Amino acid sequence: MITDILDLITAALLLLGSGFVLIGSIGLARLPDIFTRLHAPTKATTLGVGSILLGSIVYFSVRQGLSLHEVLVTLFLFLTAPVSAHLISRAALHRKCRSLAEPPGSDDSP
């Protein structure tokens, strides 16, 4: 009974995570410039991989006991993704990459 509930929770986390990864990948491929492309993988994909790892933690903790591998990978992911996105955005600013987004207040309406 309890394993059926935990299997449903695991399946829900895996589906949620794969949905986030899919949305982040589509955003990476479709968004116009480097700054908007950074937003999709760092937010959506981090949540997606985090959900997949959480599903793995739930599944294997019931069957084998708590595994430290998934916890360490999750911690490493949540620490390194924002730092790498920050460094990529700083490199883009240093190279004077232009943003294709309109600045706020630049529309022609009165």
N, C-alpha and C. Protein backbone atom coordinates (compact mmCIF):
# COMPACT_ATOMS: atom_id res chain seq x y z
N MET A 1 0.81 -1.19 0.00
CA MET A 1 0.00 0.00 0.00
C MET A 1 0.86 1.26 0.00
N ILE A 2 1.81 1.33 0.94
CA ILE A 2 2.66 2.51 1.02
C ILE A 2 3.58 2.60 -0.18
N THR A 3 4.02 1.46 -0.72
CA THR A 3 4.89 1.50 -1.90
C THR A 3 4.13 1.97 -3.13
N ASP A 4 2.82 1.68 -3.20
CA ASP A 4 2.03 2.17 -4.32
C ASP A 4 1.93 3.70 -4.30
N ILE A 5 1.75 4.25 -3.11
CA ILE A 5 1.67 5.70 -2.98
C ILE A 5 3.01 6.34 -3.33
N LEU A 6 4.09 5.72 -2.84
CA LEU A 6 5.41 6.26 -3.14
C LEU A 6 5.76 6.11 -4.62
N ASP A 7 5.28 5.06 -5.27
CA ASP A 7 5.48 4.92 -6.71
C ASP A 7 4.73 6.01 -7.47
N LEU A 8 3.54 6.37 -7.01
CA LEU A 8 2.80 7.46 -7.64
C LEU A 8 3.50 8.81 -7.43
N ILE A 9 4.03 9.02 -6.25
CA ILE A 9 4.78 10.25 -5.98
C ILE A 9 6.03 10.31 -6.85
N THR A 10 6.72 9.18 -6.98
CA THR A 10 7.91 9.12 -7.83
C THR A 10 7.56 9.40 -9.28
N ALA A 11 6.49 8.79 -9.76
CA ALA A 11 6.07 9.02 -11.15
C ALA A 11 5.68 10.48 -11.38
N ALA A 12 4.99 11.08 -10.41
CA ALA A 12 4.60 12.48 -10.54
C ALA A 12 5.83 13.39 -10.58
N LEU A 13 6.81 13.12 -9.72
CA LEU A 13 8.03 13.92 -9.71
C LEU A 13 8.81 13.76 -11.02
N LEU A 14 8.86 12.54 -11.54
CA LEU A 14 9.56 12.32 -12.81
C LEU A 14 8.87 13.02 -13.96
N LEU A 15 7.54 12.97 -14.00
CA LEU A 15 6.81 13.67 -15.06
C LEU A 15 6.94 15.19 -14.93
N LEU A 16 6.85 15.69 -13.73
CA LEU A 16 7.02 17.12 -13.50
C LEU A 16 8.42 17.58 -13.91
N GLY A 17 9.41 16.80 -13.51
CA GLY A 17 10.79 17.14 -13.85
C GLY A 17 11.06 17.09 -15.33
N SER A 18 10.54 16.07 -16.00
CA SER A 18 10.77 15.98 -17.44
C SER A 18 10.03 17.09 -18.18
N GLY A 19 8.89 17.52 -17.67
CA GLY A 19 8.19 18.66 -18.27
C GLY A 19 9.00 19.95 -18.14
N PHE A 20 9.59 20.18 -16.96
CA PHE A 20 10.43 21.36 -16.78
C PHE A 20 11.66 21.31 -17.69
N VAL A 21 12.28 20.14 -17.80
CA VAL A 21 13.45 20.01 -18.66
C VAL A 21 13.08 20.27 -20.12
N LEU A 22 11.93 19.77 -20.54
CA LEU A 22 11.47 20.01 -21.91
C LEU A 22 11.24 21.50 -22.17
N ILE A 23 10.56 22.17 -21.24
CA ILE A 23 10.31 23.61 -21.40
C ILE A 23 11.62 24.40 -21.41
N GLY A 24 12.55 24.03 -20.54
CA GLY A 24 13.85 24.72 -20.52
C GLY A 24 14.63 24.49 -21.80
N SER A 25 14.56 23.30 -22.36
CA SER A 25 15.27 23.02 -23.62
C SER A 25 14.64 23.76 -24.79
N ILE A 26 13.33 23.82 -24.83
CA ILE A 26 12.66 24.58 -25.89
C ILE A 26 13.00 26.07 -25.77
N GLY A 27 13.02 26.57 -24.56
CA GLY A 27 13.39 27.97 -24.34
C GLY A 27 14.82 28.26 -24.77
N LEU A 28 15.72 27.34 -24.51
CA LEU A 28 17.10 27.51 -24.92
C LEU A 28 17.22 27.56 -26.44
N ALA A 29 16.43 26.77 -27.13
CA ALA A 29 16.51 26.72 -28.59
C ALA A 29 15.76 27.89 -29.25
N ARG A 30 14.71 28.38 -28.63
CA ARG A 30 13.83 29.34 -29.31
C ARG A 30 14.02 30.80 -28.92
N LEU A 31 14.56 31.08 -27.77
CA LEU A 31 14.67 32.48 -27.34
C LEU A 31 15.75 33.22 -28.13
N PRO A 32 15.60 34.55 -28.29
CA PRO A 32 16.40 35.25 -29.29
C PRO A 32 17.84 35.60 -28.93
N ASP A 33 18.14 35.92 -27.68
CA ASP A 33 19.50 36.37 -27.39
C ASP A 33 20.06 35.65 -26.17
N ILE A 34 21.33 35.92 -25.87
CA ILE A 34 22.03 35.19 -24.82
C ILE A 34 21.41 35.39 -23.45
N PHE A 35 20.93 36.58 -23.19
CA PHE A 35 20.41 36.87 -21.85
C PHE A 35 19.08 36.17 -21.60
N THR A 36 18.22 36.14 -22.59
CA THR A 36 16.96 35.41 -22.41
C THR A 36 17.18 33.91 -22.50
N ARG A 37 18.17 33.48 -23.27
CA ARG A 37 18.48 32.05 -23.33
C ARG A 37 19.04 31.52 -22.03
N LEU A 38 19.69 32.36 -21.27
CA LEU A 38 20.21 31.92 -19.98
C LEU A 38 19.10 31.66 -18.98
N HIS A 39 18.01 32.38 -19.12
CA HIS A 39 16.92 32.27 -18.15
C HIS A 39 16.26 30.89 -18.19
N ALA A 40 16.01 30.38 -19.39
CA ALA A 40 15.30 29.10 -19.52
C ALA A 40 16.05 27.92 -18.90
N PRO A 41 17.30 27.68 -19.25
CA PRO A 41 17.96 26.51 -18.65
C PRO A 41 18.27 26.65 -17.17
N THR A 42 18.58 27.86 -16.73
CA THR A 42 18.94 27.98 -15.32
C THR A 42 17.75 27.86 -14.40
N LYS A 43 16.60 28.28 -14.84
CA LYS A 43 15.42 28.17 -13.97
C LYS A 43 14.68 26.85 -14.18
N ALA A 44 14.20 26.66 -15.40
CA ALA A 44 13.34 25.50 -15.67
C ALA A 44 14.10 24.19 -15.60
N THR A 45 15.27 24.15 -16.18
CA THR A 45 16.01 22.89 -16.19
C THR A 45 16.53 22.53 -14.81
N THR A 46 16.92 23.53 -14.03
CA THR A 46 17.35 23.24 -12.66
C THR A 46 16.20 22.66 -11.85
N LEU A 47 15.01 23.23 -11.99
CA LEU A 47 13.84 22.67 -11.30
C LEU A 47 13.51 21.27 -11.83
N GLY A 48 13.67 21.08 -13.14
CA GLY A 48 13.38 19.78 -13.73
C GLY A 48 14.32 18.69 -13.25
N VAL A 49 15.60 18.96 -13.31
CA VAL A 49 16.57 17.96 -12.85
C VAL A 49 16.45 17.77 -11.34
N GLY A 50 16.14 18.84 -10.61
CA GLY A 50 15.90 18.71 -9.17
C GLY A 50 14.71 17.82 -8.86
N SER A 51 13.64 17.94 -9.64
CA SER A 51 12.47 17.08 -9.44
C SER A 51 12.78 15.63 -9.79
N ILE A 52 13.53 15.42 -10.85
CA ILE A 52 13.92 14.06 -11.23
C ILE A 52 14.80 13.43 -10.15
N LEU A 53 15.73 14.20 -9.62
CA LEU A 53 16.58 13.69 -8.55
C LEU A 53 15.78 13.44 -7.27
N LEU A 54 14.81 14.28 -6.99
CA LEU A 54 13.94 14.06 -5.83
C LEU A 54 13.13 12.79 -5.99
N GLY A 55 12.63 12.55 -7.21
CA GLY A 55 11.94 11.29 -7.49
C GLY A 55 12.86 10.09 -7.29
N SER A 56 14.10 10.23 -7.70
CA SER A 56 15.08 9.15 -7.50
C SER A 56 15.37 8.92 -6.02
N ILE A 57 15.45 10.00 -5.26
CA ILE A 57 15.67 9.88 -3.82
C ILE A 57 14.50 9.15 -3.17
N VAL A 58 13.27 9.51 -3.54
CA VAL A 58 12.09 8.85 -2.97
C VAL A 58 12.07 7.37 -3.33
N TYR A 59 12.34 7.06 -4.60
CA TYR A 59 12.27 5.68 -5.06
C TYR A 59 13.33 4.80 -4.38
N PHE A 60 14.57 5.25 -4.38
CA PHE A 60 15.63 4.40 -3.84
C PHE A 60 15.70 4.42 -2.32
N SER A 61 15.18 5.46 -1.67
CA SER A 61 15.20 5.46 -0.21
C SER A 61 14.23 4.43 0.36
N VAL A 62 13.15 4.15 -0.37
CA VAL A 62 12.20 3.13 0.08
C VAL A 62 12.79 1.74 -0.13
N ARG A 63 13.48 1.53 -1.22
CA ARG A 63 13.95 0.20 -1.58
C ARG A 63 15.31 -0.15 -0.98
N GLN A 64 16.21 0.83 -0.86
CA GLN A 64 17.58 0.52 -0.43
C GLN A 64 18.05 1.34 0.77
N GLY A 65 17.27 2.25 1.23
CA GLY A 65 17.71 3.17 2.26
C GLY A 65 18.20 4.45 1.62
N LEU A 66 18.40 5.48 2.41
CA LEU A 66 18.78 6.79 1.90
C LEU A 66 20.16 6.72 1.26
N SER A 67 20.23 7.14 0.01
CA SER A 67 21.49 7.16 -0.71
C SER A 67 22.04 8.58 -0.71
N LEU A 68 23.29 8.70 -0.41
CA LEU A 68 23.92 10.00 -0.34
C LEU A 68 24.25 10.56 -1.72
N HIS A 69 24.32 9.69 -2.73
CA HIS A 69 24.69 10.14 -4.08
C HIS A 69 23.70 11.15 -4.64
N GLU A 70 22.42 10.84 -4.56
CA GLU A 70 21.41 11.73 -5.12
C GLU A 70 21.36 13.05 -4.36
N VAL A 71 21.54 13.00 -3.07
CA VAL A 71 21.53 14.22 -2.26
C VAL A 71 22.71 15.11 -2.64
N LEU A 72 23.88 14.52 -2.84
CA LEU A 72 25.05 15.30 -3.22
C LEU A 72 24.92 15.88 -4.63
N VAL A 73 24.38 15.11 -5.56
CA VAL A 73 24.18 15.60 -6.91
C VAL A 73 23.19 16.77 -6.91
N THR A 74 22.11 16.64 -6.14
CA THR A 74 21.12 17.73 -6.04
C THR A 74 21.75 18.98 -5.44
N LEU A 75 22.50 18.82 -4.39
CA LEU A 75 23.18 19.96 -3.76
C LEU A 75 24.16 20.61 -4.74
N PHE A 76 24.93 19.80 -5.44
CA PHE A 76 25.90 20.31 -6.41
C PHE A 76 25.19 21.06 -7.54
N LEU A 77 24.07 20.52 -8.01
CA LEU A 77 23.31 21.16 -9.08
C LEU A 77 22.79 22.52 -8.65
N PHE A 78 22.19 22.60 -7.47
CA PHE A 78 21.61 23.86 -7.02
C PHE A 78 22.67 24.89 -6.64
N LEU A 79 23.90 24.45 -6.39
CA LEU A 79 24.97 25.40 -6.11
C LEU A 79 25.65 25.89 -7.39
N THR A 80 25.81 25.02 -8.37
CA THR A 80 26.60 25.39 -9.55
C THR A 80 25.79 26.03 -10.66
N ALA A 81 24.52 25.74 -10.82
CA ALA A 81 23.74 26.31 -11.92
C ALA A 81 23.63 27.83 -11.84
N PRO A 82 23.31 28.42 -10.70
CA PRO A 82 23.26 29.89 -10.67
C PRO A 82 24.63 30.54 -10.85
N VAL A 83 25.66 29.91 -10.32
CA VAL A 83 27.00 30.47 -10.45
C VAL A 83 27.46 30.44 -11.91
N SER A 84 27.22 29.34 -12.60
CA SER A 84 27.62 29.27 -14.01
C SER A 84 26.81 30.23 -14.87
N ALA A 85 25.53 30.39 -14.59
CA ALA A 85 24.72 31.36 -15.35
C ALA A 85 25.21 32.78 -15.10
N HIS A 86 25.58 33.08 -13.89
CA HIS A 86 26.11 34.40 -13.58
C HIS A 86 27.42 34.66 -14.33
N LEU A 87 28.29 33.67 -14.37
CA LEU A 87 29.56 33.84 -15.07
C LEU A 87 29.36 33.97 -16.58
N ILE A 88 28.41 33.23 -17.14
CA ILE A 88 28.13 33.35 -18.57
C ILE A 88 27.56 34.73 -18.88
N SER A 89 26.67 35.23 -18.03
CA SER A 89 26.10 36.56 -18.28
C SER A 89 27.16 37.65 -18.12
N ARG A 90 28.08 37.49 -17.19
CA ARG A 90 29.18 38.46 -17.05
C ARG A 90 30.09 38.44 -18.26
N ALA A 91 30.35 37.24 -18.79
CA ALA A 91 31.17 37.15 -20.00
C ALA A 91 30.46 37.80 -21.19
N ALA A 92 29.15 37.63 -21.29
CA ALA A 92 28.39 38.26 -22.37
C ALA A 92 28.40 39.78 -22.22
N LEU A 93 28.29 40.28 -21.01
CA LEU A 93 28.38 41.73 -20.80
C LEU A 93 29.77 42.25 -21.12
N HIS A 94 30.79 41.49 -20.76
CA HIS A 94 32.17 41.89 -21.04
C HIS A 94 32.43 41.95 -22.54
N ARG A 95 31.82 41.03 -23.29
CA ARG A 95 31.98 41.01 -24.75
C ARG A 95 31.03 41.97 -25.44
N LYS A 96 30.25 42.70 -24.64
CA LYS A 96 29.28 43.69 -25.13
C LYS A 96 28.25 43.08 -26.07
N CYS A 97 27.73 41.92 -25.67
CA CYS A 97 26.64 41.30 -26.42
C CYS A 97 25.38 42.13 -26.20
N ARG A 98 24.65 42.37 -27.24
CA ARG A 98 23.45 43.19 -27.15
C ARG A 98 22.24 42.33 -26.85
N SER A 99 21.35 42.89 -26.09
CA SER A 99 20.08 42.24 -25.81
C SER A 99 19.08 42.67 -26.88
N LEU A 100 18.27 41.75 -27.34
CA LEU A 100 17.26 42.06 -28.34
C LEU A 100 15.96 42.50 -27.71
N ALA A 101 15.87 42.44 -26.40
CA ALA A 101 14.65 42.86 -25.70
C ALA A 101 14.58 44.38 -25.66
N GLU A 102 13.37 44.90 -25.73
CA GLU A 102 13.17 46.34 -25.64
C GLU A 102 13.34 46.79 -24.20
N PRO A 103 14.05 47.89 -23.97
CA PRO A 103 14.16 48.40 -22.60
C PRO A 103 12.81 48.91 -22.11
N PRO A 104 12.57 48.87 -20.81
CA PRO A 104 11.29 49.35 -20.28
C PRO A 104 11.10 50.83 -20.58
N GLY A 105 9.88 51.19 -20.97
CA GLY A 105 9.55 52.57 -21.23
C GLY A 105 9.97 53.07 -22.60
N SER A 106 10.38 52.17 -23.50
CA SER A 106 10.83 52.61 -24.82
C SER A 106 9.74 52.52 -25.88
N ASP A 107 8.53 52.17 -25.48
CA ASP A 107 7.44 52.09 -26.47
C ASP A 107 7.01 53.50 -26.89
N ASP A 108 6.33 53.59 -28.02
CA ASP A 108 5.95 54.88 -28.58
C ASP A 108 4.63 55.41 -28.05
N SER A 109 4.01 54.70 -27.16
CA SER A 109 2.71 55.16 -26.63
C SER A 109 2.93 56.30 -25.65
N PRO A 110 1.99 57.26 -25.61
CA PRO A 110 2.15 58.43 -24.72
C PRO A 110 1.98 58.10 -23.26
